[in-house]
């Protein structure tokens, strides 16, 4: 394997790990908020009450967490692309 290929593989692996680490936390918190929101919706439907469809703090937090998870996934995808490019070059 050539030096540029090895460098691309190492840098790609680091980016892959960093991206996965950055995406993992917000994604798990997003899933928990989504489950809690669904639980509240079921409870309010059971009570027969109308649920306000406006913006809530939880919906804003879910949007922020989705964006953070997406950004981490993009970093991980770039790392995977660099690893593949390094293997092709090397």
N, C-alpha and C. Protein backbone atom coordinates (compact mmCIF):
# COMPACT_ATOMS: atom_id res chain seq x y z
N UNK A 1 0.86 -1.17 0.00
CA UNK A 1 0.00 0.00 0.00
C UNK A 1 0.90 1.23 0.00
N UNK A 2 0.55 2.19 -0.83
CA UNK A 2 1.34 3.41 -0.93
C UNK A 2 1.07 4.34 0.26
N UNK A 3 1.95 5.31 0.41
CA UNK A 3 1.82 6.27 1.52
C UNK A 3 0.53 7.09 1.41
N UNK A 4 0.21 7.65 0.23
CA UNK A 4 -1.06 8.41 0.15
C UNK A 4 -2.28 7.54 0.45
N UNK A 5 -2.27 6.30 0.00
CA UNK A 5 -3.38 5.40 0.28
C UNK A 5 -3.50 5.11 1.76
N UNK A 6 -2.36 4.90 2.41
CA UNK A 6 -2.37 4.63 3.84
C UNK A 6 -2.86 5.84 4.63
N UNK A 7 -2.43 7.02 4.21
CA UNK A 7 -2.87 8.25 4.88
C UNK A 7 -4.38 8.42 4.72
N UNK A 8 -4.90 8.16 3.51
CA UNK A 8 -6.34 8.28 3.30
C UNK A 8 -7.12 7.29 4.16
N UNK A 9 -6.61 6.08 4.28
CA UNK A 9 -7.29 5.07 5.09
C UNK A 9 -7.30 5.49 6.56
N UNK A 10 -6.17 5.95 7.06
CA UNK A 10 -6.08 6.34 8.48
C UNK A 10 -6.98 7.55 8.77
N UNK A 11 -6.89 8.57 7.91
CA UNK A 11 -7.72 9.77 8.12
C UNK A 11 -9.21 9.41 7.99
N UNK A 12 -9.53 8.56 7.02
CA UNK A 12 -10.91 8.13 6.85
C UNK A 12 -11.43 7.36 8.04
N UNK A 13 -10.58 6.48 8.60
CA UNK A 13 -10.99 5.70 9.77
C UNK A 13 -11.23 6.62 10.97
N UNK A 14 -10.38 7.61 11.14
CA UNK A 14 -10.55 8.56 12.24
C UNK A 14 -11.85 9.34 12.06
N UNK A 15 -12.10 9.82 10.84
CA UNK A 15 -13.35 10.56 10.59
C UNK A 15 -14.57 9.66 10.78
N UNK A 16 -14.46 8.42 10.38
CA UNK A 16 -15.55 7.48 10.56
C UNK A 16 -15.89 7.30 12.04
N UNK A 17 -14.87 7.12 12.85
CA UNK A 17 -15.10 6.95 14.29
C UNK A 17 -15.63 8.22 14.95
N UNK A 18 -15.08 9.36 14.56
CA UNK A 18 -15.54 10.63 15.12
C UNK A 18 -17.00 10.89 14.73
N UNK A 19 -17.32 10.64 13.47
CA UNK A 19 -18.69 10.86 13.00
C UNK A 19 -19.69 9.96 13.71
N UNK A 20 -19.33 8.68 13.87
CA UNK A 20 -20.22 7.77 14.57
C UNK A 20 -20.39 8.17 16.03
N UNK A 21 -19.31 8.62 16.64
CA UNK A 21 -19.40 9.08 18.02
C UNK A 21 -20.27 10.30 18.18
N UNK A 22 -20.18 11.21 17.21
CA UNK A 22 -21.00 12.43 17.28
C UNK A 22 -22.46 12.16 16.98
N UNK A 23 -22.76 11.16 16.17
CA UNK A 23 -24.14 10.88 15.78
C UNK A 23 -24.85 10.01 16.82
N UNK A 24 -24.12 9.21 17.54
CA UNK A 24 -24.72 8.22 18.43
C UNK A 24 -25.51 8.84 19.59
N UNK A 25 -24.93 9.80 20.27
CA UNK A 25 -25.60 10.42 21.41
C UNK A 25 -26.89 11.15 21.05
N UNK A 26 -26.83 12.08 20.09
CA UNK A 26 -28.07 12.78 19.71
C UNK A 26 -29.14 11.84 19.15
N UNK A 27 -28.73 10.80 18.42
CA UNK A 27 -29.72 9.89 17.85
C UNK A 27 -30.47 9.13 18.94
N UNK A 28 -29.74 8.66 19.95
CA UNK A 28 -30.41 7.92 21.01
C UNK A 28 -31.34 8.85 21.81
N UNK A 29 -30.93 10.08 22.05
CA UNK A 29 -31.79 11.03 22.76
C UNK A 29 -33.01 11.39 21.92
N UNK A 30 -32.83 11.52 20.60
CA UNK A 30 -33.94 11.79 19.69
C UNK A 30 -34.96 10.65 19.74
N UNK A 31 -34.48 9.42 19.73
CA UNK A 31 -35.38 8.27 19.79
C UNK A 31 -36.18 8.27 21.10
N UNK A 32 -35.52 8.62 22.20
CA UNK A 32 -36.21 8.67 23.49
C UNK A 32 -37.28 9.76 23.50
N UNK A 33 -36.97 10.93 22.94
CA UNK A 33 -37.97 12.01 22.88
C UNK A 33 -39.13 11.63 21.97
N UNK A 34 -38.84 10.95 20.89
CA UNK A 34 -39.89 10.54 19.96
C UNK A 34 -40.83 9.53 20.62
N UNK A 35 -40.27 8.59 21.37
CA UNK A 35 -41.09 7.62 22.08
C UNK A 35 -41.95 8.31 23.14
N UNK A 36 -41.36 9.27 23.83
CA UNK A 36 -42.12 10.00 24.86
C UNK A 36 -43.24 10.81 24.23
N UNK A 37 -42.98 11.42 23.09
CA UNK A 37 -44.00 12.19 22.39
C UNK A 37 -45.14 11.29 21.92
N UNK A 38 -44.80 10.11 21.41
CA UNK A 38 -45.84 9.16 20.98
C UNK A 38 -46.66 8.68 22.18
N UNK A 39 -46.01 8.49 23.32
CA UNK A 39 -46.71 8.07 24.52
C UNK A 39 -47.69 9.15 24.98
N UNK A 40 -47.28 10.39 24.94
CA UNK A 40 -48.16 11.49 25.31
C UNK A 40 -49.34 11.58 24.35
N UNK A 41 -49.09 11.38 23.06
CA UNK A 41 -50.17 11.41 22.08
C UNK A 41 -51.18 10.30 22.33
N UNK A 42 -50.70 9.09 22.66
CA UNK A 42 -51.61 7.99 22.97
C UNK A 42 -52.43 8.29 24.21
N UNK A 43 -51.79 8.86 25.23
CA UNK A 43 -52.50 9.19 26.46
C UNK A 43 -53.58 10.24 26.21
N UNK A 44 -53.25 11.25 25.45
CA UNK A 44 -54.24 12.30 25.19
C UNK A 44 -55.36 11.79 24.31
N UNK A 45 -55.06 10.88 23.38
CA UNK A 45 -56.12 10.28 22.58
C UNK A 45 -57.02 9.42 23.46
N UNK A 46 -56.45 8.71 24.41
CA UNK A 46 -57.22 7.89 25.33
C UNK A 46 -58.15 8.75 26.18
N UNK A 47 -57.64 9.91 26.61
CA UNK A 47 -58.45 10.82 27.42
C UNK A 47 -59.52 11.50 26.59
N UNK A 48 -59.35 11.52 25.28
CA UNK A 48 -60.34 12.16 24.42
C UNK A 48 -60.09 13.63 24.23
N UNK A 49 -58.95 14.10 24.70
CA UNK A 49 -58.63 15.51 24.56
C UNK A 49 -57.98 15.81 23.22
N UNK A 50 -58.05 17.05 22.85
CA UNK A 50 -57.39 17.47 21.62
C UNK A 50 -55.96 17.87 21.93
N UNK A 51 -55.08 17.47 21.07
CA UNK A 51 -53.67 17.79 21.27
C UNK A 51 -53.32 19.02 20.44
N UNK A 52 -52.65 19.95 21.07
CA UNK A 52 -52.22 21.16 20.38
C UNK A 52 -51.16 20.77 19.35
N UNK A 53 -51.35 21.18 18.10
CA UNK A 53 -50.42 20.79 17.05
C UNK A 53 -49.33 21.85 16.83
N UNK A 54 -49.22 22.79 17.73
CA UNK A 54 -48.22 23.84 17.60
C UNK A 54 -46.82 23.36 17.96
N UNK A 55 -45.87 24.25 17.79
CA UNK A 55 -44.48 23.93 18.09
C UNK A 55 -44.29 23.85 19.60
N UNK A 56 -43.65 22.78 20.03
CA UNK A 56 -43.36 22.61 21.45
C UNK A 56 -41.85 22.61 21.65
N UNK A 57 -41.44 22.68 22.88
CA UNK A 57 -40.01 22.61 23.18
C UNK A 57 -39.42 21.26 22.79
N UNK A 58 -40.22 20.21 22.95
CA UNK A 58 -39.75 18.87 22.57
C UNK A 58 -39.57 18.76 21.07
N UNK A 59 -40.46 19.36 20.29
CA UNK A 59 -40.32 19.27 18.83
C UNK A 59 -39.11 20.06 18.36
N UNK A 60 -38.82 21.17 19.01
CA UNK A 60 -37.61 21.94 18.67
C UNK A 60 -36.37 21.14 19.04
N UNK A 61 -36.39 20.51 20.22
CA UNK A 61 -35.26 19.69 20.64
C UNK A 61 -35.05 18.51 19.70
N UNK A 62 -36.14 17.91 19.24
CA UNK A 62 -36.01 16.78 18.31
C UNK A 62 -35.41 17.23 16.99
N UNK A 63 -35.78 18.42 16.52
CA UNK A 63 -35.20 18.94 15.28
C UNK A 63 -33.70 19.18 15.44
N UNK A 64 -33.31 19.74 16.58
CA UNK A 64 -31.88 19.99 16.83
C UNK A 64 -31.12 18.67 16.91
N UNK A 65 -31.68 17.69 17.61
CA UNK A 65 -31.02 16.40 17.74
C UNK A 65 -30.92 15.68 16.40
N UNK A 66 -31.96 15.79 15.57
CA UNK A 66 -31.91 15.19 14.23
C UNK A 66 -30.80 15.82 13.41
N UNK A 67 -30.66 17.14 13.50
CA UNK A 67 -29.61 17.84 12.74
C UNK A 67 -28.23 17.42 13.22
N UNK A 68 -28.05 17.31 14.54
CA UNK A 68 -26.75 16.88 15.08
C UNK A 68 -26.42 15.45 14.64
N UNK A 69 -27.41 14.57 14.67
CA UNK A 69 -27.18 13.19 14.23
C UNK A 69 -26.87 13.14 12.74
N UNK A 70 -27.56 13.96 11.96
CA UNK A 70 -27.30 14.01 10.52
C UNK A 70 -25.88 14.50 10.24
N UNK A 71 -25.45 15.53 10.97
CA UNK A 71 -24.10 16.04 10.78
C UNK A 71 -23.04 14.98 11.10
N UNK A 72 -23.26 14.24 12.18
CA UNK A 72 -22.35 13.16 12.53
C UNK A 72 -22.33 12.07 11.47
N UNK A 73 -23.50 11.75 10.91
CA UNK A 73 -23.58 10.74 9.86
C UNK A 73 -22.86 11.20 8.60
N UNK A 74 -22.93 12.48 8.29
CA UNK A 74 -22.23 13.02 7.12
C UNK A 74 -20.72 12.91 7.32
N UNK A 75 -20.25 13.21 8.52
CA UNK A 75 -18.82 13.07 8.81
C UNK A 75 -18.39 11.62 8.68
N UNK A 76 -19.21 10.70 9.19
CA UNK A 76 -18.90 9.27 9.10
C UNK A 76 -18.89 8.81 7.64
N UNK A 77 -19.83 9.31 6.84
CA UNK A 77 -19.87 8.94 5.43
C UNK A 77 -18.64 9.46 4.68
N UNK A 78 -18.20 10.66 5.03
CA UNK A 78 -16.99 11.19 4.41
C UNK A 78 -15.78 10.34 4.80
N UNK A 79 -15.74 9.90 6.04
CA UNK A 79 -14.66 9.02 6.47
C UNK A 79 -14.68 7.70 5.73
N UNK A 80 -15.87 7.12 5.54
CA UNK A 80 -15.98 5.87 4.80
C UNK A 80 -15.54 6.05 3.35
N UNK A 81 -15.89 7.19 2.76
CA UNK A 81 -15.46 7.47 1.39
C UNK A 81 -13.94 7.58 1.30
N UNK A 82 -13.33 8.20 2.31
CA UNK A 82 -11.87 8.30 2.32
C UNK A 82 -11.21 6.95 2.48
N UNK A 83 -11.78 6.09 3.31
CA UNK A 83 -11.23 4.74 3.47
C UNK A 83 -11.28 4.00 2.15
N UNK A 84 -12.42 4.07 1.47
CA UNK A 84 -12.56 3.39 0.18
C UNK A 84 -11.59 3.98 -0.85
N UNK A 85 -11.47 5.32 -0.87
CA UNK A 85 -10.53 5.96 -1.79
C UNK A 85 -9.09 5.53 -1.48
N UNK A 86 -8.76 5.42 -0.21
CA UNK A 86 -7.43 4.99 0.17
C UNK A 86 -7.16 3.57 -0.25
N UNK A 87 -8.14 2.70 -0.18
CA UNK A 87 -7.97 1.32 -0.62
C UNK A 87 -7.83 1.23 -2.14
N UNK A 88 -8.55 2.10 -2.86
CA UNK A 88 -8.44 2.11 -4.31
C UNK A 88 -7.09 2.65 -4.74
N UNK A 89 -6.64 3.73 -4.10
CA UNK A 89 -5.35 4.34 -4.44
C UNK A 89 -4.21 3.40 -4.07
N UNK A 90 -4.31 2.80 -2.90
CA UNK A 90 -3.20 2.00 -2.38
C UNK A 90 -3.23 0.63 -2.95
